[in-house]
Amino acid sequence: MLLEIEKVKEKITQLDESEAKSLLMIMYARLDTAINGTGGDEFIKKTIIDLFDIYKRLPDKKELKK
């Protein structure tokens, strides 16, 4: 698991300011909808899983440059 955390950390540090702000806005909007919406616990759980997956799907800019 530590290796996965390190990979995600590296991808996050590769984000520029605009990308990081956009990611934070998306996350906030999703969390706001989950918490304040009417989807219940199942929707909150799905949102958390989706947000976790966003980090896994971040592109590695070093790989994109190749």
PDB file of N, CA and C in Angstrom:
ATOM      1  N   MET A   1       0.823  -1.197   0.000  1.00  0.00           N
ATOM      2  CA  MET A   1       0.000   0.000   0.000  1.00  0.00           C
ATOM      3  C   MET A   1       0.863   1.256   0.000  1.00  0.00           C
ATOM      4  N   LEU A   2       1.980   1.211   0.696  1.00  0.00           N
ATOM      5  CA  LEU A   2       2.841   2.384   0.751  1.00  0.00           C
ATOM      6  C   LEU A   2       3.313   2.776  -0.638  1.00  0.00           C
ATOM      7  N   LEU A   3       3.594   1.799  -1.465  1.00  0.00           N
ATOM      8  CA  LEU A   3       4.026   2.087  -2.823  1.00  0.00           C
ATOM      9  C   LEU A   3       2.946   2.852  -3.577  1.00  0.00           C
ATOM     10  N   GLU A   4       1.690   2.456  -3.407  1.00  0.00           N
ATOM     11  CA  GLU A   4       0.573   3.145  -4.059  1.00  0.00           C
ATOM     12  C   GLU A   4       0.467   4.585  -3.564  1.00  0.00           C
ATOM     13  N   ILE A   5       0.640   4.785  -2.268  1.00  0.00           N
ATOM     14  CA  ILE A   5       0.594   6.135  -1.703  1.00  0.00           C
ATOM     15  C   ILE A   5       1.703   6.993  -2.297  1.00  0.00           C
ATOM     16  N   GLU A   6       2.882   6.436  -2.438  1.00  0.00           N
ATOM     17  CA  GLU A   6       4.005   7.173  -3.013  1.00  0.00           C
ATOM     18  C   GLU A   6       3.735   7.542  -4.473  1.00  0.00           C
ATOM     19  N   LYS A   7       3.124   6.633  -5.217  1.00  0.00           N
ATOM     20  CA  LYS A   7       2.789   6.913  -6.621  1.00  0.00           C
ATOM     21  C   LYS A   7       1.806   8.069  -6.714  1.00  0.00           C
ATOM     22  N   VAL A   8       0.781   8.037  -5.880  1.00  0.00           N
ATOM     23  CA  VAL A   8      -0.226   9.099  -5.892  1.00  0.00           C
ATOM     24  C   VAL A   8       0.402  10.420  -5.456  1.00  0.00           C
ATOM     25  N   LYS A   9       1.234  10.380  -4.438  1.00  0.00           N
ATOM     26  CA  LYS A   9       1.912  11.589  -3.966  1.00  0.00           C
ATOM     27  C   LYS A   9       2.740  12.214  -5.086  1.00  0.00           C
ATOM     28  N   GLU A  10       3.445  11.398  -5.831  1.00  0.00           N
ATOM     29  CA  GLU A  10       4.257  11.883  -6.952  1.00  0.00           C
ATOM     30  C   GLU A  10       3.377  12.534  -8.017  1.00  0.00           C
ATOM     31  N   LYS A  11       2.253  11.905  -8.332  1.00  0.00           N
ATOM     32  CA  LYS A  11       1.339  12.458  -9.336  1.00  0.00           C
ATOM     33  C   LYS A  11       0.757  13.792  -8.879  1.00  0.00           C
ATOM     34  N   ILE A  12       0.449  13.901  -7.596  1.00  0.00           N
ATOM     35  CA  ILE A  12      -0.104  15.148  -7.066  1.00  0.00           C
ATOM     36  C   ILE A  12       0.922  16.266  -7.159  1.00  0.00           C
ATOM     37  N   THR A  13       2.170  15.976  -6.844  1.00  0.00           N
ATOM     38  CA  THR A  13       3.199  17.016  -6.897  1.00  0.00           C
ATOM     39  C   THR A  13       3.471  17.471  -8.327  1.00  0.00           C
ATOM     40  N   GLN A  14       3.092  16.669  -9.316  1.00  0.00           N
ATOM     41  CA  GLN A  14       3.279  17.041 -10.715  1.00  0.00           C
ATOM     42  C   GLN A  14       2.195  18.004 -11.216  1.00  0.00           C
ATOM     43  N   LEU A  15       1.104  18.143 -10.456  1.00  0.00           N
ATOM     44  CA  LEU A  15       0.026  19.032 -10.877  1.00  0.00           C
ATOM     45  C   LEU A  15       0.479  20.478 -10.795  1.00  0.00           C
ATOM     46  N   ASP A  16       0.070  21.283 -11.784  1.00  0.00           N
ATOM     47  CA  ASP A  16       0.332  22.709 -11.661  1.00  0.00           C
ATOM     48  C   ASP A  16      -0.798  23.337 -10.841  1.00  0.00           C
ATOM     49  N   GLU A  17      -0.680  24.612 -10.541  1.00  0.00           N
ATOM     50  CA  GLU A  17      -1.648  25.271  -9.659  1.00  0.00           C
ATOM     51  C   GLU A  17      -3.071  25.202 -10.200  1.00  0.00           C
ATOM     52  N   SER A  18      -3.226  25.438 -11.468  1.00  0.00           N
ATOM     53  CA  SER A  18      -4.554  25.414 -12.084  1.00  0.00           C
ATOM     54  C   SER A  18      -5.183  24.028 -12.000  1.00  0.00           C
ATOM     55  N   GLU A  19      -4.396  23.009 -12.279  1.00  0.00           N
ATOM     56  CA  GLU A  19      -4.898  21.630 -12.204  1.00  0.00           C
ATOM     57  C   GLU A  19      -5.285  21.263 -10.772  1.00  0.00           C
ATOM     58  N   ALA A  20      -4.461  21.667  -9.822  1.00  0.00           N
ATOM     59  CA  ALA A  20      -4.739  21.359  -8.419  1.00  0.00           C
ATOM     60  C   ALA A  20      -6.018  22.050  -7.953  1.00  0.00           C
ATOM     61  N   LYS A  21      -6.189  23.312  -8.343  1.00  0.00           N
ATOM     62  CA  LYS A  21      -7.406  24.040  -7.967  1.00  0.00           C
ATOM     63  C   LYS A  21      -8.639  23.401  -8.596  1.00  0.00           C
ATOM     64  N   SER A  22      -8.526  22.997  -9.839  1.00  0.00           N
ATOM     65  CA  SER A  22      -9.653  22.340 -10.511  1.00  0.00           C
ATOM     66  C   SER A  22     -10.024  21.043  -9.808  1.00  0.00           C
ATOM     67  N   LEU A  23      -9.028  20.270  -9.442  1.00  0.00           N
ATOM     68  CA  LEU A  23      -9.271  19.012  -8.741  1.00  0.00           C
ATOM     69  C   LEU A  23      -9.958  19.258  -7.399  1.00  0.00           C
ATOM     70  N   LEU A  24      -9.499  20.268  -6.678  1.00  0.00           N
ATOM     71  CA  LEU A  24     -10.127  20.597  -5.398  1.00  0.00           C
ATOM     72  C   LEU A  24     -11.578  21.034  -5.572  1.00  0.00           C
ATOM     73  N   MET A  25     -11.867  21.809  -6.611  1.00  0.00           N
ATOM     74  CA  MET A  25     -13.245  22.249  -6.862  1.00  0.00           C
ATOM     75  C   MET A  25     -14.148  21.064  -7.192  1.00  0.00           C
ATOM     76  N   ILE A  26     -13.652  20.151  -8.003  1.00  0.00           N
ATOM     77  CA  ILE A  26     -14.429  18.946  -8.341  1.00  0.00           C
ATOM     78  C   ILE A  26     -14.706  18.140  -7.079  1.00  0.00           C
ATOM     79  N   MET A  27     -13.687  17.965  -6.260  1.00  0.00           N
ATOM     80  CA  MET A  27     -13.853  17.188  -5.032  1.00  0.00           C
ATOM     81  C   MET A  27     -14.851  17.857  -4.097  1.00  0.00           C
ATOM     82  N   TYR A  28     -14.747  19.171  -3.953  1.00  0.00           N
ATOM     83  CA  TYR A  28     -15.672  19.882  -3.072  1.00  0.00           C
ATOM     84  C   TYR A  28     -17.107  19.740  -3.566  1.00  0.00           C
ATOM     85  N   ALA A  29     -17.312  19.913  -4.862  1.00  0.00           N
ATOM     86  CA  ALA A  29     -18.663  19.803  -5.424  1.00  0.00           C
ATOM     87  C   ALA A  29     -19.243  18.412  -5.184  1.00  0.00           C
ATOM     88  N   ARG A  30     -18.434  17.389  -5.401  1.00  0.00           N
ATOM     89  CA  ARG A  30     -18.897  16.011  -5.178  1.00  0.00           C
ATOM     90  C   ARG A  30     -19.232  15.769  -3.713  1.00  0.00           C
ATOM     91  N   LEU A  31     -18.371  16.240  -2.811  1.00  0.00           N
ATOM     92  CA  LEU A  31     -18.616  16.058  -1.379  1.00  0.00           C
ATOM     93  C   LEU A  31     -19.842  16.837  -0.917  1.00  0.00           C
ATOM     94  N   ASP A  32     -19.997  18.053  -1.416  1.00  0.00           N
ATOM     95  CA  ASP A  32     -21.160  18.864  -1.054  1.00  0.00           C
ATOM     96  C   ASP A  32     -22.452  18.173  -1.473  1.00  0.00           C
ATOM     97  N   THR A  33     -22.464  17.642  -2.680  1.00  0.00           N
ATOM     98  CA  THR A  33     -23.644  16.926  -3.166  1.00  0.00           C
ATOM     99  C   THR A  33     -23.915  15.686  -2.320  1.00  0.00           C
ATOM    100  N   ALA A  34     -22.870  14.961  -1.977  1.00  0.00           N
ATOM    101  CA  ALA A  34     -23.040  13.734  -1.188  1.00  0.00           C
ATOM    102  C   ALA A  34     -23.559  14.038   0.214  1.00  0.00           C
ATOM    103  N   ILE A  35     -23.006  15.060   0.834  1.00  0.00           N
ATOM    104  CA  ILE A  35     -23.370  15.365   2.217  1.00  0.00           C
ATOM    105  C   ILE A  35     -24.718  16.071   2.314  1.00  0.00           C
ATOM    106  N   ASN A  36     -24.965  17.013   1.415  1.00  0.00           N
ATOM    107  CA  ASN A  36     -26.179  17.828   1.503  1.00  0.00           C
ATOM    108  C   ASN A  36     -27.319  17.338   0.629  1.00  0.00           C
ATOM    109  N   GLY A  37     -27.056  16.352  -0.211  1.00  0.00           N
ATOM    110  CA  GLY A  37     -28.091  15.813  -1.088  1.00  0.00           C
ATOM    111  C   GLY A  37     -28.957  14.794  -0.369  1.00  0.00           C
ATOM    112  N   THR A  38     -29.804  14.153  -1.138  1.00  0.00           N
ATOM    113  CA  THR A  38     -30.750  13.197  -0.554  1.00  0.00           C
ATOM    114  C   THR A  38     -30.419  11.754  -0.920  1.00  0.00           C
ATOM    115  N   GLY A  39     -29.178  11.506  -1.331  1.00  0.00           N
ATOM    116  CA  GLY A  39     -28.798  10.165  -1.766  1.00  0.00           C
ATOM    117  C   GLY A  39     -28.577   9.160  -0.658  1.00  0.00           C
ATOM    118  N   GLY A  40     -28.401   9.644   0.561  1.00  0.00           N
ATOM    119  CA  GLY A  40     -28.222   8.736   1.685  1.00  0.00           C
ATOM    120  C   GLY A  40     -26.822   8.157   1.781  1.00  0.00           C
ATOM    121  N   ASP A  41     -26.684   7.210   2.695  1.00  0.00           N
ATOM    122  CA  ASP A  41     -25.376   6.619   2.989  1.00  0.00           C
ATOM    123  C   ASP A  41     -24.752   5.914   1.790  1.00  0.00           C
ATOM    124  N   GLU A  42     -25.561   5.273   0.980  1.00  0.00           N
ATOM    125  CA  GLU A  42     -25.028   4.557  -0.184  1.00  0.00           C
ATOM    126  C   GLU A  42     -24.390   5.532  -1.173  1.00  0.00           C
ATOM    127  N   PHE A  43     -25.018   6.693  -1.371  1.00  0.00           N
ATOM    128  CA  PHE A  43     -24.459   7.698  -2.276  1.00  0.00           C
ATOM    129  C   PHE A  43     -23.175   8.288  -1.696  1.00  0.00           C
ATOM    130  N   ILE A  44     -23.151   8.497  -0.388  1.00  0.00           N
ATOM    131  CA  ILE A  44     -21.937   9.009   0.261  1.00  0.00           C
ATOM    132  C   ILE A  44     -20.795   8.012   0.074  1.00  0.00           C
ATOM    133  N   LYS A  45     -21.075   6.735   0.280  1.00  0.00           N
ATOM    134  CA  LYS A  45     -20.056   5.695   0.096  1.00  0.00           C
ATOM    135  C   LYS A  45     -19.554   5.675  -1.347  1.00  0.00           C
ATOM    136  N   LYS A  46     -20.464   5.751  -2.312  1.00  0.00           N
ATOM    137  CA  LYS A  46     -20.077   5.754  -3.725  1.00  0.00           C
ATOM    138  C   LYS A  46     -19.214   6.978  -4.042  1.00  0.00           C
ATOM    139  N   THR A  47     -19.579   8.118  -3.487  1.00  0.00           N
ATOM    140  CA  THR A  47     -18.814   9.344  -3.719  1.00  0.00           C
ATOM    141  C   THR A  47     -17.400   9.214  -3.176  1.00  0.00           C
ATOM    142  N   ILE A  48     -17.258   8.660  -1.999  1.00  0.00           N
ATOM    143  CA  ILE A  48     -15.929   8.478  -1.405  1.00  0.00           C
ATOM    144  C   ILE A  48     -15.076   7.560  -2.273  1.00  0.00           C
ATOM    145  N   ILE A  49     -15.662   6.481  -2.736  1.00  0.00           N
ATOM    146  CA  ILE A  49     -14.933   5.554  -3.614  1.00  0.00           C
ATOM    147  C   ILE A  49     -14.540   6.248  -4.914  1.00  0.00           C
ATOM    148  N   ASP A  50     -15.462   7.023  -5.495  1.00  0.00           N
ATOM    149  CA  ASP A  50     -15.167   7.747  -6.733  1.00  0.00           C
ATOM    150  C   ASP A  50     -14.034   8.749  -6.532  1.00  0.00           C
ATOM    151  N   LEU A  51     -14.057   9.467  -5.415  1.00  0.00           N
ATOM    152  CA  LEU A  51     -13.001  10.440  -5.140  1.00  0.00           C
ATOM    153  C   LEU A  51     -11.656   9.744  -4.940  1.00  0.00           C
ATOM    154  N   PHE A  52     -11.665   8.625  -4.262  1.00  0.00           N
ATOM    155  CA  PHE A  52     -10.437   7.849  -4.082  1.00  0.00           C
ATOM    156  C   PHE A  52      -9.886   7.417  -5.441  1.00  0.00           C
ATOM    157  N   ASP A  53     -10.784   6.993  -6.326  1.00  0.00           N
ATOM    158  CA  ASP A  53     -10.372   6.548  -7.657  1.00  0.00           C
ATOM    159  C   ASP A  53      -9.814   7.681  -8.505  1.00  0.00           C
ATOM    160  N   ILE A  54     -10.269   8.912  -8.262  1.00  0.00           N
ATOM    161  CA  ILE A  54      -9.721  10.058  -8.996  1.00  0.00           C
ATOM    162  C   ILE A  54      -8.213  10.116  -8.798  1.00  0.00           C
ATOM    163  N   TYR A  55      -7.772   9.921  -7.573  1.00  0.00           N
ATOM    164  CA  TYR A  55      -6.335   9.959  -7.293  1.00  0.00           C
ATOM    165  C   TYR A  55      -5.592   8.846  -8.020  1.00  0.00           C
ATOM    166  N   LYS A  56      -6.186   7.671  -8.065  1.00  0.00           N
ATOM    167  CA  LYS A  56      -5.549   6.554  -8.765  1.00  0.00           C
ATOM    168  C   LYS A  56      -5.435   6.819 -10.266  1.00  0.00           C
ATOM    169  N   ARG A  57      -6.390   7.570 -10.818  1.00  0.00           N
ATOM    170  CA  ARG A  57      -6.421   7.811 -12.260  1.00  0.00           C
ATOM    171  C   ARG A  57      -5.643   9.051 -12.693  1.00  0.00           C
ATOM    172  N   LEU A  58      -5.060   9.773 -11.755  1.00  0.00           N
ATOM    173  CA  LEU A  58      -4.270  10.937 -12.146  1.00  0.00           C
ATOM    174  C   LEU A  58      -3.167  10.492 -13.097  1.00  0.00           C
ATOM    175  N   PRO A  59      -2.983  11.222 -14.182  1.00  0.00           N
ATOM    176  CA  PRO A  59      -1.929  10.826 -15.116  1.00  0.00           C
ATOM    177  C   PRO A  59      -0.550  11.139 -14.545  1.00  0.00           C
ATOM    178  N   ASP A  60       0.406  10.336 -14.915  1.00  0.00           N
ATOM    179  CA  ASP A  60       1.796  10.578 -14.554  1.00  0.00           C
ATOM    180  C   ASP A  60       2.392  11.410 -15.679  1.00  0.00           C
ATOM    181  N   LYS A  61       2.654  12.682 -15.401  1.00  0.00           N
ATOM    182  CA  LYS A  61       3.136  13.583 -16.453  1.00  0.00           C
ATOM    183  C   LYS A  61       4.480  13.144 -17.018  1.00  0.00           C
ATOM    184  N   LYS A  62       5.271  12.462 -16.216  1.00  0.00           N
ATOM    185  CA  LYS A  62       6.553  11.960 -16.721  1.00  0.00           C
ATOM    186  C   LYS A  62       6.317  10.925 -17.810  1.00  0.00           C
ATOM    187  N   GLU A  63       5.293  10.090 -17.624  1.00  0.00           N
ATOM    188  CA  GLU A  63       4.964   9.066 -18.620  1.00  0.00           C
ATOM    189  C   GLU A  63       4.357   9.699 -19.870  1.00  0.00           C
ATOM    190  N   LEU A  64       3.591  10.775 -19.697  1.00  0.00           N
ATOM    191  CA  LEU A  64       2.957  11.434 -20.840  1.00  0.00           C
ATOM    192  C   LEU A  64       3.983  12.088 -21.758  1.00  0.00           C
ATOM    193  N   LYS A  65       5.103  12.523 -21.191  1.00  0.00           N
ATOM    194  CA  LYS A  65       6.132  13.198 -21.977  1.00  0.00           C
ATOM    195  C   LYS A  65       6.921  12.246 -22.859  1.00  0.00           C
ATOM    196  N   LYS A  66       6.858  10.948 -22.549  1.00  0.00           N
ATOM    197  CA  LYS A  66       7.637   9.963 -23.318  1.00  0.00           C
ATOM    198  C   LYS A  66       7.043   9.718 -24.675  1.00  0.00           C
TER     199      LYS A  66
END
